[in-house]
């Protein structure tokens, strides 16, 4: 009799476990899928005065920006190669307290000179600092493009925010380093522009602005370029994966001067599962073309063991997934040389801000432009609840 009871009791356990299993699988699937920017709205523009002098330095060349929510301050790296002043970053206040960015809403509050581990400043031409990303240890990583023409290697170094002193250097895989044969490595001024760290502070990502020499051509009119995204594990400071990112081909418009440049100047990690915003910037002859993309590493091939993409069949490599979020040319704004982006402070209505900054190249014809957006970032769970409950979060 007891045996019969056990036999008939077994399905009851299944009835209890089955819903738990289904819910577990559902939530696992939801949390592994991509977060998504469901809306984006321009909420203001500001420019710094031309030739602005702060702490005896000219403020300009702002190529990367990052935000510290603890202090409500922004850190912007200058790409000055030592021609105007020593390598440095600026700390900025960006006032979004009224839910928008006003013309005078950006203010420099401090300047920090970068120092090598021996306490010396970088010599002119020794660095070309382009990207910046904060840790949770009062430090920041900064990337430099180096100078391929002079065989100066790119670098990614960690600096103390308080003093600007270098405390660590990440190893750069050999395939990225320029050599005298000019057959491999970064192209000059087309290297590590981007830098971002995941919210859990466990992984750092950078990317080449254009293809490595051994990977393909640099971007040309109507021709894209295969960039590499490089992933580091910050638990051991070692590179661990690489991914193929294909830039969009850009058609010049009224290019009377014959100059053209296009590439990937920045990435922004949205979560810990490999989802980003990417910024693509092109000079087309008649102004700048700036686009924001949503990017996912899901399903992309790890190519860190492939030294040359030209040596393999590109059809066998799955690149990262991209989806156009916004073509900034559709905005009623005269765009400058936008190179950096970061998630900023929360707005008064609780929504998330996004900040973009331009590199004025220390050129009197250009501006240091800051654009602010309101964006809504939704997880798969929020999107599911919105479908099930039409009045959810209205």
Foldseek 3Di string as FASTA:
>chain_A
DVVVVVVVCVVVVVVVVVVVVVVVVVVVVQQLDDWDFPDKFFFEKEFDDFQDADPNFGDFQFFAKEADQVVQKMKTWHQQLQPGHFGKIWIWHADCAVVGGDHPRIDTDDMAHAAEQVRHTQDRLLFGWAYWEDAPPQKIWIWTPRFLVVQRFIWIFIAHNVHNYTDGTADDDPQQGHDPVLQGHADGPFQFNEWEAAPVRFKIKTKTFFEINQADDGADAQAKGWMKIWMAGVVVSYTDFIFTDIDGHHHADPQPVPDKHKGWRYWYHPHDNAWIKTWIWMDRNPAIKIWIKIKGCVPFDTCPVPSGNVVDDCVVGRGIDIDTDDTCVVDPDRDFAWRYKYWHDQYPVRFIKMKIWHGQVSDPVTTTMIIIMTIHIGGSVRVVVCVVPVPPPD
